[in-house]
Amino acid sequence: MADEALAVLADRYKGGAINNTRVAIRKVRGTRCGYEIFFDLEVITLGENYDREPITTCVVKWQTDGTSAVAVAASKERWATSAEVFRQALRTSVTDDGIRASPFGNEGSEVRAVPLQAARTAFFVIYLAEGDDEAKRTEAAIKVFKRAVEARLGRSLIVPVALNGVNHLWLIELPG
């Protein structure tokens, strides 16, 4: 069994460019996991080849203070204003209905997870959906909640886990 599991992540654009590079701590024996450390790559020229083209490599510049322009911009971009209602609901439900869980078994650190249904209920309490009647407002809220979960999963801001046959979520807080 591995003592740790790391993931190198980045936002990739269709043209091949990358941005928002970071290392995610997925599992660490005996300590906290679920956070990310941002880094930038600095291109260094080592010399030239026989066609006088540069030979390059990259050096990792860790952003451990959490104040780099890339990290700050990424942090703001990752939780858009429209998603703050979802984030608030998830934080509230984790506080009110969350449980301590070890999704990686005894090998990983402990997290505070909340049943998906409790997060959904907390979201419905604070989300003001528009519609002509209660059924349309409920349908709209269900769609918005589903999109919010999918978008946050896609950006690695929340993590799903099944505990005792029940779907749970936990929130990954960014540094800074």
N, C-alpha and C. Protein backbone atom coordinates (compact mmCIF):
# COMPACT_ATOMS: atom_id res chain seq x y z
N MET A 1 0.83 -1.18 0.00
CA MET A 1 0.00 0.00 0.00
C MET A 1 0.87 1.24 0.00
N ALA A 2 0.48 2.24 -0.74
CA ALA A 2 1.24 3.48 -0.82
C ALA A 2 1.03 4.33 0.43
N ASP A 3 2.11 4.99 0.86
CA ASP A 3 2.02 5.90 2.00
C ASP A 3 1.46 7.25 1.59
N GLU A 4 1.59 7.59 0.33
CA GLU A 4 1.05 8.85 -0.15
C GLU A 4 0.64 8.72 -1.61
N ALA A 5 -0.28 9.62 -2.00
CA ALA A 5 -0.71 9.68 -3.39
C ALA A 5 -0.82 11.16 -3.75
N LEU A 6 -0.11 11.54 -4.80
CA LEU A 6 -0.09 12.92 -5.28
C LEU A 6 -0.67 12.96 -6.69
N ALA A 7 -1.25 14.09 -7.04
CA ALA A 7 -1.75 14.29 -8.40
C ALA A 7 -1.24 15.65 -8.88
N VAL A 8 -0.66 15.68 -10.07
CA VAL A 8 -0.25 16.94 -10.68
C VAL A 8 -1.39 17.38 -11.59
N LEU A 9 -1.93 18.57 -11.32
CA LEU A 9 -3.11 19.06 -12.02
C LEU A 9 -2.82 20.38 -12.72
N ALA A 10 -3.61 20.67 -13.74
CA ALA A 10 -3.53 21.96 -14.44
C ALA A 10 -4.80 22.13 -15.25
N ASP A 11 -5.11 23.38 -15.57
CA ASP A 11 -6.20 23.67 -16.50
C ASP A 11 -5.58 23.66 -17.89
N ARG A 12 -6.15 22.87 -18.78
CA ARG A 12 -5.60 22.75 -20.12
C ARG A 12 -6.56 23.35 -21.13
N TYR A 13 -6.03 24.15 -22.03
CA TYR A 13 -6.84 24.79 -23.05
C TYR A 13 -6.73 24.01 -24.36
N LYS A 14 -7.71 24.21 -25.24
CA LYS A 14 -7.77 23.45 -26.48
C LYS A 14 -6.50 23.58 -27.31
N GLY A 15 -5.86 24.73 -27.26
CA GLY A 15 -4.63 24.95 -28.01
C GLY A 15 -3.42 24.26 -27.42
N GLY A 16 -3.56 23.67 -26.23
CA GLY A 16 -2.48 22.95 -25.59
C GLY A 16 -1.83 23.70 -24.44
N ALA A 17 -2.12 24.99 -24.28
CA ALA A 17 -1.54 25.76 -23.18
C ALA A 17 -2.11 25.27 -21.86
N ILE A 18 -1.30 25.41 -20.81
CA ILE A 18 -1.77 25.04 -19.47
C ILE A 18 -1.64 26.24 -18.54
N ASN A 19 -2.45 26.23 -17.49
CA ASN A 19 -2.46 27.29 -16.51
C ASN A 19 -2.90 26.68 -15.18
N ASN A 20 -2.69 27.39 -14.10
CA ASN A 20 -3.18 26.94 -12.80
C ASN A 20 -2.57 25.60 -12.40
N THR A 21 -1.24 25.48 -12.53
CA THR A 21 -0.56 24.23 -12.20
C THR A 21 -0.48 24.06 -10.69
N ARG A 22 -0.68 22.81 -10.24
CA ARG A 22 -0.69 22.53 -8.81
C ARG A 22 -0.49 21.04 -8.56
N VAL A 23 -0.03 20.75 -7.37
CA VAL A 23 0.09 19.36 -6.90
C VAL A 23 -0.98 19.17 -5.84
N ALA A 24 -1.81 18.17 -6.01
CA ALA A 24 -2.87 17.88 -5.06
C ALA A 24 -2.43 16.72 -4.16
N ILE A 25 -2.59 16.91 -2.87
CA ILE A 25 -2.27 15.87 -1.90
C ILE A 25 -3.53 15.02 -1.75
N ARG A 26 -3.54 13.84 -2.35
CA ARG A 26 -4.73 12.98 -2.33
C ARG A 26 -4.75 12.05 -1.12
N LYS A 27 -3.56 11.61 -0.69
CA LYS A 27 -3.50 10.66 0.42
C LYS A 27 -2.12 10.79 1.04
N VAL A 28 -2.08 10.90 2.37
CA VAL A 28 -0.81 10.93 3.11
C VAL A 28 -1.03 10.19 4.41
N ARG A 29 -0.17 9.26 4.70
CA ARG A 29 -0.31 8.47 5.92
C ARG A 29 -0.11 9.37 7.14
N GLY A 30 -1.12 9.41 8.01
CA GLY A 30 -1.01 10.07 9.30
C GLY A 30 -1.06 11.58 9.30
N THR A 31 -1.49 12.19 8.21
CA THR A 31 -1.59 13.66 8.21
C THR A 31 -2.71 14.10 7.29
N ARG A 32 -2.90 15.39 7.21
CA ARG A 32 -4.00 16.00 6.45
C ARG A 32 -3.80 15.80 4.94
N CYS A 33 -4.91 15.58 4.24
CA CYS A 33 -4.87 15.50 2.79
C CYS A 33 -6.00 16.36 2.22
N GLY A 34 -6.06 16.44 0.91
CA GLY A 34 -7.14 17.18 0.28
C GLY A 34 -6.82 18.62 -0.01
N TYR A 35 -5.56 19.01 0.04
CA TYR A 35 -5.22 20.38 -0.30
C TYR A 35 -4.27 20.41 -1.48
N GLU A 36 -4.04 21.60 -2.01
CA GLU A 36 -3.23 21.76 -3.21
C GLU A 36 -2.12 22.78 -2.98
N ILE A 37 -0.98 22.55 -3.63
CA ILE A 37 0.14 23.47 -3.60
C ILE A 37 0.37 23.93 -5.04
N PHE A 38 0.28 25.22 -5.25
CA PHE A 38 0.44 25.78 -6.58
C PHE A 38 1.92 25.92 -6.93
N PHE A 39 2.21 25.85 -8.23
CA PHE A 39 3.57 26.08 -8.69
C PHE A 39 3.55 26.67 -10.09
N ASP A 40 4.65 27.30 -10.44
CA ASP A 40 4.86 27.81 -11.79
C ASP A 40 6.08 27.10 -12.34
N LEU A 41 6.16 27.00 -13.65
CA LEU A 41 7.33 26.43 -14.31
C LEU A 41 8.12 27.55 -14.98
N GLU A 42 9.39 27.63 -14.64
CA GLU A 42 10.27 28.60 -15.27
C GLU A 42 11.11 27.88 -16.31
N VAL A 43 11.06 28.36 -17.55
CA VAL A 43 11.81 27.74 -18.64
C VAL A 43 13.26 28.25 -18.59
N ILE A 44 14.20 27.32 -18.60
CA ILE A 44 15.63 27.63 -18.55
C ILE A 44 16.27 27.13 -19.84
N THR A 45 17.06 27.97 -20.49
CA THR A 45 17.78 27.57 -21.70
C THR A 45 19.13 26.99 -21.30
N LEU A 46 19.39 25.76 -21.75
CA LEU A 46 20.64 25.07 -21.42
C LEU A 46 21.71 25.27 -22.48
N GLY A 47 21.31 25.56 -23.68
CA GLY A 47 22.25 25.71 -24.78
C GLY A 47 21.52 25.63 -26.09
N GLU A 48 22.25 25.26 -27.14
CA GLU A 48 21.66 25.13 -28.47
C GLU A 48 22.03 23.80 -29.08
N ASN A 49 21.17 23.29 -29.97
CA ASN A 49 21.50 22.07 -30.69
C ASN A 49 22.26 22.43 -31.97
N TYR A 50 22.53 21.45 -32.81
CA TYR A 50 23.33 21.70 -34.02
C TYR A 50 22.63 22.62 -35.01
N ASP A 51 21.28 22.77 -34.92
CA ASP A 51 20.54 23.70 -35.79
C ASP A 51 20.37 25.08 -35.14
N ARG A 52 21.09 25.30 -34.05
CA ARG A 52 21.05 26.55 -33.29
C ARG A 52 19.67 26.82 -32.68
N GLU A 53 18.93 25.75 -32.43
CA GLU A 53 17.65 25.86 -31.71
C GLU A 53 17.92 25.68 -30.22
N PRO A 54 17.19 26.40 -29.38
CA PRO A 54 17.48 26.31 -27.95
C PRO A 54 17.12 24.94 -27.38
N ILE A 55 17.94 24.48 -26.45
CA ILE A 55 17.67 23.29 -25.65
C ILE A 55 17.21 23.82 -24.30
N THR A 56 15.99 23.45 -23.91
CA THR A 56 15.41 24.02 -22.68
C THR A 56 14.98 22.93 -21.71
N THR A 57 14.78 23.35 -20.50
CA THR A 57 14.19 22.52 -19.46
C THR A 57 13.37 23.45 -18.57
N CYS A 58 12.69 22.88 -17.60
CA CYS A 58 11.87 23.68 -16.69
C CYS A 58 12.32 23.48 -15.25
N VAL A 59 12.18 24.53 -14.46
CA VAL A 59 12.44 24.49 -13.03
C VAL A 59 11.13 24.81 -12.33
N VAL A 60 10.79 24.02 -11.30
CA VAL A 60 9.56 24.24 -10.55
C VAL A 60 9.79 25.36 -9.54
N LYS A 61 8.89 26.34 -9.56
CA LYS A 61 8.89 27.44 -8.60
C LYS A 61 7.64 27.27 -7.73
N TRP A 62 7.81 26.72 -6.52
CA TRP A 62 6.69 26.46 -5.62
C TRP A 62 6.11 27.76 -5.10
N GLN A 63 4.80 27.84 -5.02
CA GLN A 63 4.10 29.02 -4.51
C GLN A 63 3.54 28.69 -3.14
N THR A 64 4.42 28.45 -2.18
CA THR A 64 4.00 27.99 -0.86
C THR A 64 3.32 29.07 -0.04
N ASP A 65 3.52 30.35 -0.39
CA ASP A 65 2.89 31.41 0.39
C ASP A 65 1.44 31.64 -0.01
N GLY A 66 1.01 31.05 -1.11
CA GLY A 66 -0.37 31.18 -1.55
C GLY A 66 -0.71 32.55 -2.11
N THR A 67 0.30 33.39 -2.37
CA THR A 67 0.03 34.74 -2.82
C THR A 67 0.41 34.96 -4.27
N SER A 68 0.79 33.91 -4.99
CA SER A 68 1.17 34.11 -6.38
C SER A 68 -0.03 34.58 -7.18
N ALA A 69 0.23 35.32 -8.22
CA ALA A 69 -0.85 35.85 -9.06
C ALA A 69 -1.66 34.70 -9.66
N VAL A 70 -0.99 33.65 -10.07
CA VAL A 70 -1.69 32.51 -10.66
C VAL A 70 -2.61 31.86 -9.62
N ALA A 71 -2.10 31.64 -8.41
CA ALA A 71 -2.90 30.99 -7.36
C ALA A 71 -4.09 31.84 -6.96
N VAL A 72 -3.87 33.13 -6.80
CA VAL A 72 -4.96 34.02 -6.40
C VAL A 72 -6.02 34.07 -7.49
N ALA A 73 -5.60 34.22 -8.75
CA ALA A 73 -6.55 34.26 -9.86
C ALA A 73 -7.31 32.94 -9.96
N ALA A 74 -6.59 31.83 -9.81
CA ALA A 74 -7.24 30.52 -9.90
C ALA A 74 -8.25 30.34 -8.78
N SER A 75 -7.89 30.76 -7.59
CA SER A 75 -8.79 30.64 -6.45
C SER A 75 -10.08 31.41 -6.69
N LYS A 76 -9.97 32.61 -7.21
CA LYS A 76 -11.16 33.41 -7.47
C LYS A 76 -11.98 32.81 -8.60
N GLU A 77 -11.31 32.31 -9.62
CA GLU A 77 -12.01 31.75 -10.77
C GLU A 77 -12.72 30.46 -10.42
N ARG A 78 -12.13 29.66 -9.55
CA ARG A 78 -12.66 28.33 -9.27
C ARG A 78 -13.97 28.37 -8.52
N TRP A 79 -14.21 29.36 -7.66
CA TRP A 79 -15.48 29.51 -6.98
C TRP A 79 -16.13 30.78 -7.48
N ALA A 80 -16.85 30.68 -8.56
CA ALA A 80 -17.55 31.83 -9.13
C ALA A 80 -18.65 32.29 -8.17
N THR A 81 -19.04 33.54 -8.32
CA THR A 81 -20.08 34.11 -7.46
C THR A 81 -21.34 33.26 -7.48
N SER A 82 -21.71 32.75 -8.65
CA SER A 82 -22.92 31.94 -8.76
C SER A 82 -22.83 30.64 -7.96
N ALA A 83 -21.61 30.20 -7.64
CA ALA A 83 -21.44 28.95 -6.90
C ALA A 83 -21.34 29.18 -5.40
N GLU A 84 -21.29 30.42 -4.97
CA GLU A 84 -21.15 30.71 -3.54
C GLU A 84 -22.34 30.18 -2.73
N VAL A 85 -23.54 30.17 -3.31
CA VAL A 85 -24.70 29.63 -2.59
C VAL A 85 -24.47 28.14 -2.33
N PHE A 86 -23.98 27.43 -3.33
CA PHE A 86 -23.68 26.00 -3.16
C PHE A 86 -22.60 25.81 -2.10
N ARG A 87 -21.54 26.61 -2.17
CA ARG A 87 -20.45 26.51 -1.20
C ARG A 87 -20.95 26.77 0.23
N GLN A 88 -21.77 27.79 0.38
CA GLN A 88 -22.33 28.11 1.69
C GLN A 88 -23.20 26.96 2.20
N ALA A 89 -24.01 26.40 1.34
CA ALA A 89 -24.87 25.27 1.73
C ALA A 89 -24.03 24.07 2.13
N LEU A 90 -22.97 23.81 1.37
CA LEU A 90 -22.11 22.67 1.69
C LEU A 90 -21.41 22.88 3.03
N ARG A 91 -20.89 24.08 3.27
CA ARG A 91 -20.24 24.36 4.56
C ARG A 91 -21.23 24.22 5.72
N THR A 92 -22.43 24.74 5.53
CA THR A 92 -23.45 24.64 6.58
C THR A 92 -23.80 23.19 6.86
N SER A 93 -24.02 22.41 5.81
CA SER A 93 -24.42 21.01 6.00
C SER A 93 -23.28 20.18 6.58
N VAL A 94 -22.03 20.50 6.24
CA VAL A 94 -20.89 19.78 6.83
C VAL A 94 -20.84 20.07 8.33
N THR A 95 -21.10 21.32 8.70
CA THR A 95 -21.11 21.68 10.12
C THR A 95 -22.27 21.02 10.86
N ASP A 96 -23.46 21.07 10.26
CA ASP A 96 -24.66 20.56 10.92
C ASP A 96 -24.81 19.04 10.85
N ASP A 97 -24.50 18.46 9.69
CA ASP A 97 -24.79 17.04 9.46
C ASP A 97 -23.57 16.21 9.08
N GLY A 98 -22.39 16.83 9.08
CA GLY A 98 -21.19 16.12 8.66
C GLY A 98 -20.73 15.08 9.66
N ILE A 99 -19.99 14.12 9.14
CA ILE A 99 -19.43 13.07 9.98
C ILE A 99 -17.92 13.01 9.72
N ARG A 100 -17.20 12.55 10.72
CA ARG A 100 -15.77 12.30 10.52
C ARG A 100 -15.63 11.01 9.75
N ALA A 101 -14.82 11.05 8.70
CA ALA A 101 -14.69 9.87 7.85
C ALA A 101 -13.24 9.69 7.43
N SER A 102 -12.88 8.45 7.20
CA SER A 102 -11.55 8.10 6.69
C SER A 102 -11.75 7.40 5.36
N PRO A 103 -11.98 8.17 4.28
CA PRO A 103 -12.29 7.54 2.99
C PRO A 103 -11.15 6.73 2.41
N PHE A 104 -9.92 6.95 2.89
CA PHE A 104 -8.77 6.19 2.41
C PHE A 104 -8.41 5.06 3.36
N GLY A 105 -9.32 4.74 4.27
CA GLY A 105 -9.05 3.71 5.26
C GLY A 105 -8.12 4.24 6.34
N ASN A 106 -7.52 3.35 7.08
CA ASN A 106 -6.62 3.75 8.16
C ASN A 106 -5.34 4.38 7.63
N GLU A 107 -5.07 4.25 6.35
CA GLU A 107 -3.84 4.76 5.76
C GLU A 107 -3.87 6.26 5.53
N GLY A 108 -5.05 6.84 5.30
CA GLY A 108 -5.15 8.25 4.97
C GLY A 108 -5.64 9.08 6.13
N SER A 109 -5.70 10.36 5.90
CA SER A 109 -6.16 11.25 6.96
C SER A 109 -7.68 11.31 7.00
N GLU A 110 -8.18 11.90 8.05
CA GLU A 110 -9.61 12.00 8.28
C GLU A 110 -10.16 13.28 7.65
N VAL A 111 -11.38 13.21 7.14
CA VAL A 111 -12.06 14.37 6.57
C VAL A 111 -13.43 14.49 7.22
N ARG A 112 -14.09 15.61 6.98
CA ARG A 112 -15.46 15.79 7.46
C ARG A 112 -16.35 15.75 6.22
N ALA A 113 -17.16 14.71 6.10
CA ALA A 113 -18.01 14.50 4.94
C ALA A 113 -19.48 14.64 5.32
N VAL A 114 -20.28 15.01 4.34
CA VAL A 114 -21.71 15.20 4.58
C VAL A 114 -22.49 14.36 3.56
N PRO A 115 -23.59 13.75 3.99
CA PRO A 115 -24.42 13.03 3.03
C PRO A 115 -24.90 13.98 1.92
N LEU A 116 -24.90 13.49 0.70
CA LEU A 116 -25.33 14.29 -0.44
C LEU A 116 -26.73 14.85 -0.23
N GLN A 117 -27.61 14.06 0.34
CA GLN A 117 -28.99 14.51 0.57
C GLN A 117 -29.03 15.68 1.55
N ALA A 118 -28.19 15.67 2.58
CA ALA A 118 -28.15 16.78 3.55
C ALA A 118 -27.63 18.05 2.88
N ALA A 119 -26.63 17.90 2.00
CA ALA A 119 -26.12 19.06 1.25
C ALA A 119 -27.20 19.63 0.34
N ARG A 120 -27.95 18.75 -0.30
CA ARG A 120 -29.03 19.18 -1.20
C ARG A 120 -30.11 19.92 -0.41
N THR A 121 -30.48 19.39 0.74
CA THR A 121 -31.49 20.05 1.58
C THR A 121 -31.03 21.43 2.02
N ALA A 122 -29.78 21.55 2.45
CA ALA A 122 -29.24 22.85 2.86
C ALA A 122 -29.22 23.83 1.68
N PHE A 123 -28.94 23.33 0.49
CA PHE A 123 -28.94 24.18 -0.70
C PHE A 123 -30.35 24.70 -0.99
N PHE A 124 -31.34 23.82 -0.92
CA PHE A 124 -32.72 24.22 -1.20
C PHE A 124 -33.22 25.27 -0.21
N VAL A 125 -32.71 25.25 1.02
CA VAL A 125 -33.12 26.22 2.03
C VAL A 125 -32.67 27.63 1.66
N ILE A 126 -31.46 27.76 1.09
CA ILE A 126 -30.93 29.11 0.84
C ILE A 126 -30.98 29.54 -0.62
N TYR A 127 -31.25 28.62 -1.54
CA TYR A 127 -31.30 28.99 -2.96
C TYR A 127 -32.70 29.51 -3.30
N LEU A 128 -32.75 30.69 -3.88
CA LEU A 128 -34.03 31.29 -4.26
C LEU A 128 -34.28 31.06 -5.75
N ALA A 129 -35.00 30.01 -6.05
CA ALA A 129 -35.30 29.67 -7.43
C ALA A 129 -36.50 30.47 -7.92
N GLU A 130 -36.50 30.75 -9.22
CA GLU A 130 -37.62 31.46 -9.82
C GLU A 130 -38.52 30.46 -10.53
N GLY A 131 -39.80 30.78 -10.55
CA GLY A 131 -40.77 29.94 -11.22
C GLY A 131 -42.17 30.35 -10.83
N ASP A 132 -43.13 29.96 -11.68
CA ASP A 132 -44.52 30.35 -11.45
C ASP A 132 -45.16 29.64 -10.27
N ASP A 133 -44.72 28.40 -10.01
CA ASP A 133 -45.30 27.65 -8.90
C ASP A 133 -44.20 26.86 -8.18
N GLU A 134 -44.57 26.22 -7.10
CA GLU A 134 -43.60 25.49 -6.28
C GLU A 134 -42.92 24.37 -7.06
N ALA A 135 -43.65 23.67 -7.91
CA ALA A 135 -43.07 22.57 -8.69
C ALA A 135 -41.97 23.08 -9.63
N LYS A 136 -42.20 24.21 -10.28
CA LYS A 136 -41.20 24.78 -11.20
C LYS A 136 -39.99 25.29 -10.43
N ARG A 137 -40.22 25.88 -9.25
CA ARG A 137 -39.09 26.35 -8.44
C ARG A 137 -38.26 25.17 -7.94
N THR A 138 -38.91 24.10 -7.53
CA THR A 138 -38.20 22.91 -7.07
C THR A 138 -37.39 22.29 -8.21
N GLU A 139 -38.00 22.19 -9.39
CA GLU A 139 -37.30 21.64 -10.55
C GLU A 139 -36.08 22.49 -10.90
N ALA A 140 -36.22 23.80 -10.86
CA ALA A 140 -35.10 24.70 -11.15
C ALA A 140 -33.99 24.52 -10.11
N ALA A 141 -34.34 24.43 -8.85
CA ALA A 141 -33.34 24.26 -7.79
C ALA A 141 -32.60 22.94 -7.93
N ILE A 142 -33.33 21.88 -8.30
CA ILE A 142 -32.69 20.57 -8.51
C ILE A 142 -31.66 20.66 -9.63
N LYS A 143 -32.01 21.31 -10.73
CA LYS A 143 -31.09 21.45 -11.86
C LYS A 143 -29.86 22.27 -11.49
N VAL A 144 -30.06 23.37 -10.77
CA VAL A 144 -28.94 24.21 -10.37
C VAL A 144 -28.02 23.46 -9.41
N PHE A 145 -28.59 22.71 -8.47
CA PHE A 145 -27.79 21.93 -7.53
C PHE A 145 -26.96 20.89 -8.29
N LYS A 146 -27.59 20.18 -9.22
CA LYS A 146 -26.88 19.15 -9.98
C LYS A 146 -25.73 19.76 -10.77
N ARG A 147 -25.98 20.89 -11.43
CA ARG A 147 -24.90 21.56 -12.18
C ARG A 147 -23.78 22.02 -11.26
N ALA A 148 -24.13 22.53 -10.08
CA ALA A 148 -23.12 23.00 -9.13
C ALA A 148 -22.23 21.84 -8.67
N VAL A 149 -22.84 20.69 -8.36
CA VAL A 149 -22.06 19.52 -7.95
C VAL A 149 -21.14 19.08 -9.08
N GLU A 150 -21.67 18.94 -10.29
CA GLU A 150 -20.86 18.49 -11.42
C GLU A 150 -19.71 19.44 -11.70
N ALA A 151 -19.96 20.74 -11.65
CA ALA A 151 -18.91 21.73 -11.93
C ALA A 151 -17.83 21.69 -10.86
N ARG A 152 -18.20 21.56 -9.58
CA ARG A 152 -17.21 21.54 -8.50
C ARG A 152 -16.43 20.23 -8.50
N LEU A 153 -17.07 19.13 -8.88
CA LEU A 153 -16.34 17.87 -9.03
C LEU A 153 -15.32 17.98 -10.15
N GLY A 154 -15.73 18.60 -11.26
CA GLY A 154 -14.84 18.77 -12.40
C GLY A 154 -13.64 19.63 -12.10
N ARG A 155 -13.75 20.50 -11.13
CA ARG A 155 -12.65 21.39 -10.75
C ARG A 155 -11.93 20.91 -9.49
N SER A 156 -12.24 19.71 -9.03
CA SER A 156 -11.62 19.13 -7.83
C SER A 156 -11.77 20.02 -6.60
N LEU A 157 -12.95 20.62 -6.43
CA LEU A 157 -13.23 21.43 -5.26
C LEU A 157 -14.02 20.67 -4.21
N ILE A 158 -14.68 19.61 -4.65
CA ILE A 158 -15.36 18.70 -3.74
C ILE A 158 -14.99 17.28 -4.13
N VAL A 159 -15.13 16.38 -3.18
CA VAL A 159 -14.77 14.99 -3.44
C VAL A 159 -15.96 14.11 -3.05
N PRO A 160 -16.38 13.20 -3.94
CA PRO A 160 -17.47 12.28 -3.59
C PRO A 160 -16.90 10.99 -2.99
N VAL A 161 -17.64 10.42 -2.06
CA VAL A 161 -17.25 9.14 -1.49
C VAL A 161 -18.50 8.44 -0.97
N ALA A 162 -18.57 7.13 -1.17
CA ALA A 162 -19.68 6.34 -0.64
C ALA A 162 -19.25 5.77 0.71
N LEU A 163 -20.00 6.10 1.75
CA LEU A 163 -19.72 5.61 3.10
C LEU A 163 -20.94 4.85 3.59
N ASN A 164 -20.76 3.59 3.88
CA ASN A 164 -21.87 2.73 4.32
C ASN A 164 -23.04 2.77 3.34
N GLY A 165 -22.74 2.81 2.05
CA GLY A 165 -23.78 2.79 1.03
C GLY A 165 -24.47 4.13 0.79
N VAL A 166 -23.99 5.20 1.42
CA VAL A 166 -24.60 6.52 1.27
C VAL A 166 -23.59 7.44 0.60
N ASN A 167 -24.03 8.17 -0.42
CA ASN A 167 -23.15 9.11 -1.10
C ASN A 167 -22.90 10.33 -0.22
N HIS A 168 -21.62 10.66 -0.05
CA HIS A 168 -21.19 11.80 0.75
C HIS A 168 -20.31 12.71 -0.10
N LEU A 169 -20.15 13.96 0.36
CA LEU A 169 -19.23 14.92 -0.24
C LEU A 169 -18.37 15.51 0.85
N TRP A 170 -17.16 15.91 0.47
CA TRP A 170 -16.41 16.79 1.36
C TRP A 170 -15.80 17.88 0.54
N LEU A 171 -15.64 19.01 1.19
CA LEU A 171 -15.19 20.25 0.56
C LEU A 171 -13.69 20.37 0.70
N ILE A 172 -13.02 20.65 -0.41
CA ILE A 172 -11.59 20.91 -0.37
C ILE A 172 -11.40 22.40 -0.30
N GLU A 173 -10.79 22.87 0.78
CA GLU A 173 -10.54 24.29 0.95
C GLU A 173 -9.19 24.63 0.36
N LEU A 174 -9.15 25.69 -0.44
CA LEU A 174 -7.89 26.15 -1.02
C LEU A 174 -7.11 26.94 0.00
N PRO A 175 -5.78 26.90 -0.09
CA PRO A 175 -4.99 27.70 0.84
C PRO A 175 -5.16 29.19 0.55
N GLY A 176 -4.96 30.00 1.59
CA GLY A 176 -4.97 31.45 1.39
C GLY A 176 -6.27 32.09 1.58
